[in-house]
């Protein structure tokens, strides 16, 4: 069950002689442990094939979710995006799988707020089988920043992504503030 709205806890400084009140306990112990046991985490994937144009970086639609603990993703609006609800550093992993086509290369890239993330780019050559490209990177996000996985291919024409057991996906895990 999502626990949206939990902020990254900031322990208060206490002085000798202060009494441990319920509010102090919640602020310094309970909220911190609750956050650490349930940080923001997301895994979305593509349930419907998507046509990607030739030589054009294309945000990959993620119309299905396995989990989204802080409600940072929508399956009906801007489905390619995971929107950070809590500022911090996130480990982001993306993969894109295309249907069989033996021409050209396939690219997977991560983007933050519509701009490619430096160091989060992988290209793979194709074979006569489905081609998958994937990449991962640590990305610093402020609240309301978003990340996407982009696919690009140069087969000579539009090429659809693959669905099923080998589908395109993106995962995001909060690491630290």
C-alpha atoms as a PDB file:
ATOM      1  CA  UNK A   1       0.000   0.000   0.000  1.00  0.00           C
ATOM      2  CA  UNK A   2       1.463   3.416  -0.948  1.00  0.00           C
ATOM      3  CA  UNK A   3       2.522   5.658   1.902  1.00  0.00           C
ATOM      4  CA  UNK A   4       2.626   8.944   0.029  1.00  0.00           C
ATOM      5  CA  UNK A   5       3.551  12.046   1.919  1.00  0.00           C
ATOM      6  CA  UNK A   6       6.278  10.767   4.240  1.00  0.00           C
ATOM      7  CA  UNK A   7       9.080  13.303   4.195  1.00  0.00           C
ATOM      8  CA  UNK A   8      12.731  12.428   4.657  1.00  0.00           C
ATOM      9  CA  UNK A   9      13.108  12.579   8.440  1.00  0.00           C
ATOM     10  CA  UNK A  10      15.430  15.127  10.051  1.00  0.00           C
ATOM     11  CA  UNK A  11      16.382  14.196  13.622  1.00  0.00           C
ATOM     12  CA  UNK A  12      15.982  17.013  16.112  1.00  0.00           C
ATOM     13  CA  UNK A  13      18.835  18.091  18.384  1.00  0.00           C
ATOM     14  CA  UNK A  14      17.986  17.358  21.972  1.00  0.00           C
ATOM     15  CA  UNK A  15      19.438  18.691  25.191  1.00  0.00           C
ATOM     16  CA  UNK A  16      19.979  16.819  28.462  1.00  0.00           C
ATOM     17  CA  UNK A  17      16.929  17.050  30.693  1.00  0.00           C
ATOM     18  CA  UNK A  18      14.349  17.112  27.876  1.00  0.00           C
ATOM     19  CA  UNK A  19      11.488  14.703  28.384  1.00  0.00           C
ATOM     20  CA  UNK A  20      10.668  12.168  25.677  1.00  0.00           C
ATOM     21  CA  UNK A  21       7.181  13.143  24.561  1.00  0.00           C
ATOM     22  CA  UNK A  22       5.002  11.340  22.049  1.00  0.00           C
ATOM     23  CA  UNK A  23       5.646  14.109  19.504  1.00  0.00           C
ATOM     24  CA  UNK A  24       9.407  13.904  20.056  1.00  0.00           C
ATOM     25  CA  UNK A  25       9.335  10.104  19.756  1.00  0.00           C
ATOM     26  CA  UNK A  26       7.316  10.278  16.513  1.00  0.00           C
ATOM     27  CA  UNK A  27       9.522  12.974  14.995  1.00  0.00           C
ATOM     28  CA  UNK A  28      12.864  11.386  15.898  1.00  0.00           C
ATOM     29  CA  UNK A  29      12.280   7.646  15.958  1.00  0.00           C
ATOM     30  CA  UNK A  30       8.953   6.467  14.541  1.00  0.00           C
ATOM     31  CA  UNK A  31       8.891   8.664  11.395  1.00  0.00           C
ATOM     32  CA  UNK A  32      12.537   7.935  10.641  1.00  0.00           C
ATOM     33  CA  UNK A  33      12.125   4.180  10.914  1.00  0.00           C
ATOM     34  CA  UNK A  34       8.872   4.265   8.950  1.00  0.00           C
ATOM     35  CA  UNK A  35      10.580   6.162   6.122  1.00  0.00           C
ATOM     36  CA  UNK A  36      13.628   3.868   6.103  1.00  0.00           C
ATOM     37  CA  UNK A  37      11.395   0.796   5.947  1.00  0.00           C
ATOM     38  CA  UNK A  38       9.277   2.241   3.117  1.00  0.00           C
ATOM     39  CA  UNK A  39      11.324   4.629   0.949  1.00  0.00           C
ATOM     40  CA  UNK A  40      10.107   5.734  -2.494  1.00  0.00           C
ATOM     41  CA  UNK A  41      10.352   2.838  -4.959  1.00  0.00           C
ATOM     42  CA  UNK A  42       8.818   2.298  -8.406  1.00  0.00           C
ATOM     43  CA  UNK A  43       8.741  -0.380 -11.096  1.00  0.00           C
ATOM     44  CA  UNK A  44       6.727   0.345 -14.227  1.00  0.00           C
ATOM     45  CA  UNK A  45       6.603  -1.555 -17.482  1.00  0.00           C
ATOM     46  CA  UNK A  46       5.071  -1.470 -20.920  1.00  0.00           C
ATOM     47  CA  UNK A  47       1.985  -3.608 -21.448  1.00  0.00           C
ATOM     48  CA  UNK A  48       1.166  -2.285 -24.935  1.00  0.00           C
ATOM     49  CA  UNK A  49       3.575  -2.054 -27.862  1.00  0.00           C
ATOM     50  CA  UNK A  50       4.699   1.429 -28.907  1.00  0.00           C
ATOM     51  CA  UNK A  51       5.935   2.517 -32.324  1.00  0.00           C
ATOM     52  CA  UNK A  52       9.268   4.361 -32.179  1.00  0.00           C
ATOM     53  CA  UNK A  53      10.242   6.486 -35.190  1.00  0.00           C
ATOM     54  CA  UNK A  54      13.577   6.042 -36.944  1.00  0.00           C
ATOM     55  CA  UNK A  55      16.458   8.083 -35.422  1.00  0.00           C
ATOM     56  CA  UNK A  56      14.294   9.863 -32.829  1.00  0.00           C
ATOM     57  CA  UNK A  57      14.735   9.599 -29.058  1.00  0.00           C
ATOM     58  CA  UNK A  58      11.282   8.625 -27.829  1.00  0.00           C
ATOM     59  CA  UNK A  59       9.991   8.523 -24.228  1.00  0.00           C
ATOM     60  CA  UNK A  60       8.811   4.971 -23.546  1.00  0.00           C
ATOM     61  CA  UNK A  61       5.251   4.712 -22.233  1.00  0.00           C
ATOM     62  CA  UNK A  62       4.931   2.663 -19.056  1.00  0.00           C
ATOM     63  CA  UNK A  63       1.243   1.829 -18.875  1.00  0.00           C
ATOM     64  CA  UNK A  64       1.519  -0.787 -16.110  1.00  0.00           C
ATOM     65  CA  UNK A  65       3.051  -0.848 -12.623  1.00  0.00           C
ATOM     66  CA  UNK A  66       4.340  -3.562 -10.385  1.00  0.00           C
ATOM     67  CA  UNK A  67       4.667  -1.139  -7.449  1.00  0.00           C
ATOM     68  CA  UNK A  68       4.802   2.595  -6.753  1.00  0.00           C
ATOM     69  CA  UNK A  69       5.162   3.263  -3.026  1.00  0.00           C
ATOM     70  CA  UNK A  70       4.815   7.073  -3.192  1.00  0.00           C
ATOM     71  CA  UNK A  71       2.419   7.523  -6.150  1.00  0.00           C
ATOM     72  CA  UNK A  72       5.039   9.123  -8.392  1.00  0.00           C
ATOM     73  CA  UNK A  73       3.687   7.547 -11.603  1.00  0.00           C
ATOM     74  CA  UNK A  74       0.399   7.656 -13.477  1.00  0.00           C
ATOM     75  CA  UNK A  75      -0.836   4.933 -15.819  1.00  0.00           C
ATOM     76  CA  UNK A  76      -3.195   7.398 -17.542  1.00  0.00           C
ATOM     77  CA  UNK A  77      -1.304  10.718 -17.908  1.00  0.00           C
ATOM     78  CA  UNK A  78       2.373  11.266 -18.844  1.00  0.00           C
ATOM     79  CA  UNK A  79       2.870   7.512 -18.516  1.00  0.00           C
ATOM     80  CA  UNK A  80       6.562   7.711 -19.453  1.00  0.00           C
ATOM     81  CA  UNK A  81       7.394   9.713 -16.306  1.00  0.00           C
ATOM     82  CA  UNK A  82       8.230   8.902 -12.723  1.00  0.00           C
ATOM     83  CA  UNK A  83       7.845  12.121 -10.696  1.00  0.00           C
ATOM     84  CA  UNK A  84       9.882  12.345  -7.483  1.00  0.00           C
ATOM     85  CA  UNK A  85       7.678  12.999  -4.461  1.00  0.00           C
ATOM     86  CA  UNK A  86      10.719  13.286  -2.177  1.00  0.00           C
ATOM     87  CA  UNK A  87      13.968  15.067  -3.053  1.00  0.00           C
ATOM     88  CA  UNK A  88      17.109  12.939  -3.031  1.00  0.00           C
ATOM     89  CA  UNK A  89      19.378  10.660  -5.008  1.00  0.00           C
ATOM     90  CA  UNK A  90      17.662   7.842  -6.898  1.00  0.00           C
ATOM     91  CA  UNK A  91      19.063   4.762  -8.571  1.00  0.00           C
ATOM     92  CA  UNK A  92      17.256   4.624 -11.926  1.00  0.00           C
ATOM     93  CA  UNK A  93      17.318   1.622 -14.262  1.00  0.00           C
ATOM     94  CA  UNK A  94      15.699   1.554 -17.692  1.00  0.00           C
ATOM     95  CA  UNK A  95      15.381  -1.006 -20.464  1.00  0.00           C
ATOM     96  CA  UNK A  96      13.823  -0.943 -23.913  1.00  0.00           C
ATOM     97  CA  UNK A  97      13.080  -4.036 -26.005  1.00  0.00           C
ATOM     98  CA  UNK A  98      12.151  -3.863 -29.685  1.00  0.00           C
ATOM     99  CA  UNK A  99      10.484  -6.393 -31.938  1.00  0.00           C
ATOM    100  CA  UNK A 100      12.668  -8.430 -34.277  1.00  0.00           C
ATOM    101  CA  UNK A 101      14.487  -6.415 -36.940  1.00  0.00           C
ATOM    102  CA  UNK A 102      18.067  -7.124 -38.062  1.00  0.00           C
ATOM    103  CA  UNK A 103      18.905  -3.573 -39.231  1.00  0.00           C
ATOM    104  CA  UNK A 104      20.627  -0.823 -37.274  1.00  0.00           C
ATOM    105  CA  UNK A 105      21.273  -0.230 -33.597  1.00  0.00           C
ATOM    106  CA  UNK A 106      19.039   0.194 -30.544  1.00  0.00           C
ATOM    107  CA  UNK A 107      19.603   2.766 -27.806  1.00  0.00           C
ATOM    108  CA  UNK A 108      18.361   3.126 -24.244  1.00  0.00           C
ATOM    109  CA  UNK A 109      18.866   6.439 -22.468  1.00  0.00           C
ATOM    110  CA  UNK A 110      17.649   8.031 -19.244  1.00  0.00           C
ATOM    111  CA  UNK A 111      16.325  11.595 -19.159  1.00  0.00           C
ATOM    112  CA  UNK A 112      15.633  14.044 -16.333  1.00  0.00           C
ATOM    113  CA  UNK A 113      13.021  16.752 -16.941  1.00  0.00           C
ATOM    114  CA  UNK A 114      13.244  16.139 -20.704  1.00  0.00           C
ATOM    115  CA  UNK A 115      17.063  16.319 -20.933  1.00  0.00           C
ATOM    116  CA  UNK A 116      19.349  13.320 -21.441  1.00  0.00           C
ATOM    117  CA  UNK A 117      21.244  12.263 -18.304  1.00  0.00           C
ATOM    118  CA  UNK A 118      25.007  12.241 -18.803  1.00  0.00           C
ATOM    119  CA  UNK A 119      26.432   8.736 -18.484  1.00  0.00           C
ATOM    120  CA  UNK A 120      23.060   6.984 -18.808  1.00  0.00           C
ATOM    121  CA  UNK A 121      23.240   5.793 -22.428  1.00  0.00           C
ATOM    122  CA  UNK A 122      23.666   2.314 -23.883  1.00  0.00           C
ATOM    123  CA  UNK A 123      23.608   1.184 -27.506  1.00  0.00           C
ATOM    124  CA  UNK A 124      23.403  -2.374 -28.752  1.00  0.00           C
ATOM    125  CA  UNK A 125      23.704  -3.898 -32.192  1.00  0.00           C
ATOM    126  CA  UNK A 126      20.832  -5.951 -33.488  1.00  0.00           C
ATOM    127  CA  UNK A 127      20.417  -9.559 -34.419  1.00  0.00           C
ATOM    128  CA  UNK A 128      17.545 -11.464 -35.943  1.00  0.00           C
ATOM    129  CA  UNK A 129      15.991 -11.644 -32.445  1.00  0.00           C
ATOM    130  CA  UNK A 130      14.377  -9.040 -30.214  1.00  0.00           C
ATOM    131  CA  UNK A 131      16.991  -6.448 -29.218  1.00  0.00           C
ATOM    132  CA  UNK A 132      17.154  -5.041 -25.689  1.00  0.00           C
ATOM    133  CA  UNK A 133      19.206  -2.068 -24.545  1.00  0.00           C
ATOM    134  CA  UNK A 134      19.381  -1.056 -20.892  1.00  0.00           C
ATOM    135  CA  UNK A 135      21.148   1.499 -18.726  1.00  0.00           C
ATOM    136  CA  UNK A 136      21.339   2.643 -15.123  1.00  0.00           C
ATOM    137  CA  UNK A 137      22.527   5.732 -13.291  1.00  0.00           C
ATOM    138  CA  UNK A 138      22.201   7.585  -9.989  1.00  0.00           C
ATOM    139  CA  UNK A 139      20.124  10.720 -10.608  1.00  0.00           C
ATOM    140  CA  UNK A 140      19.613  13.621  -8.199  1.00  0.00           C
ATOM    141  CA  UNK A 141      15.964  14.683  -8.167  1.00  0.00           C
ATOM    142  CA  UNK A 142      14.161  17.517  -6.442  1.00  0.00           C
ATOM    143  CA  UNK A 143      10.503  17.064  -5.542  1.00  0.00           C
ATOM    144  CA  UNK A 144       8.469  17.217  -8.802  1.00  0.00           C
ATOM    145  CA  UNK A 145      11.475  16.473 -11.056  1.00  0.00           C
ATOM    146  CA  UNK A 146      10.788  13.536 -13.360  1.00  0.00           C
ATOM    147  CA  UNK A 147      12.805  10.794 -15.031  1.00  0.00           C
ATOM    148  CA  UNK A 148      12.044   8.827 -18.177  1.00  0.00           C
ATOM    149  CA  UNK A 149      13.569   6.016 -20.177  1.00  0.00           C
ATOM    150  CA  UNK A 150      14.029   6.914 -23.854  1.00  0.00           C
ATOM    151  CA  UNK A 151      14.377   4.513 -26.756  1.00  0.00           C
ATOM    152  CA  UNK A 152      16.009   5.245 -30.088  1.00  0.00           C
ATOM    153  CA  UNK A 153      16.606   3.017 -33.099  1.00  0.00           C
ATOM    154  CA  UNK A 154      17.849   3.375 -36.663  1.00  0.00           C
ATOM    155  CA  UNK A 155      16.362   0.409 -38.505  1.00  0.00           C
ATOM    156  CA  UNK A 156      15.380   2.626 -41.443  1.00  0.00           C
ATOM    157  CA  UNK A 157      11.719   2.990 -40.425  1.00  0.00           C
ATOM    158  CA  UNK A 158       9.402   2.949 -37.451  1.00  0.00           C
ATOM    159  CA  UNK A 159       9.883  -0.033 -35.140  1.00  0.00           C
ATOM    160  CA  UNK A 160       7.595  -1.214 -32.355  1.00  0.00           C
ATOM    161  CA  UNK A 161       8.640  -2.174 -28.869  1.00  0.00           C
ATOM    162  CA  UNK A 162       8.135  -5.698 -27.604  1.00  0.00           C
ATOM    163  CA  UNK A 163       5.636  -6.620 -24.888  1.00  0.00           C
ATOM    164  CA  UNK A 164       5.240  -9.692 -22.752  1.00  0.00           C
ATOM    165  CA  UNK A 165       7.985 -11.268 -20.653  1.00  0.00           C
ATOM    166  CA  UNK A 166      10.656  -9.127 -22.349  1.00  0.00           C
ATOM    167  CA  UNK A 167       9.089  -5.687 -22.182  1.00  0.00           C
ATOM    168  CA  UNK A 168      10.429  -2.187 -21.704  1.00  0.00           C
ATOM    169  CA  UNK A 169      10.560  -0.979 -18.109  1.00  0.00           C
ATOM    170  CA  UNK A 170      11.910   1.561 -15.620  1.00  0.00           C
ATOM    171  CA  UNK A 171      12.746   1.210 -11.933  1.00  0.00           C
ATOM    172  CA  UNK A 172      13.519   4.008  -9.462  1.00  0.00           C
ATOM    173  CA  UNK A 173      14.762   3.544  -5.888  1.00  0.00           C
ATOM    174  CA  UNK A 174      15.399   6.319  -3.383  1.00  0.00           C
ATOM    175  CA  UNK A 175      18.970   6.024  -2.053  1.00  0.00           C
ATOM    176  CA  UNK A 176      19.523   9.025   0.235  1.00  0.00           C
ATOM    177  CA  UNK A 177      18.684  12.682   0.710  1.00  0.00           C
END
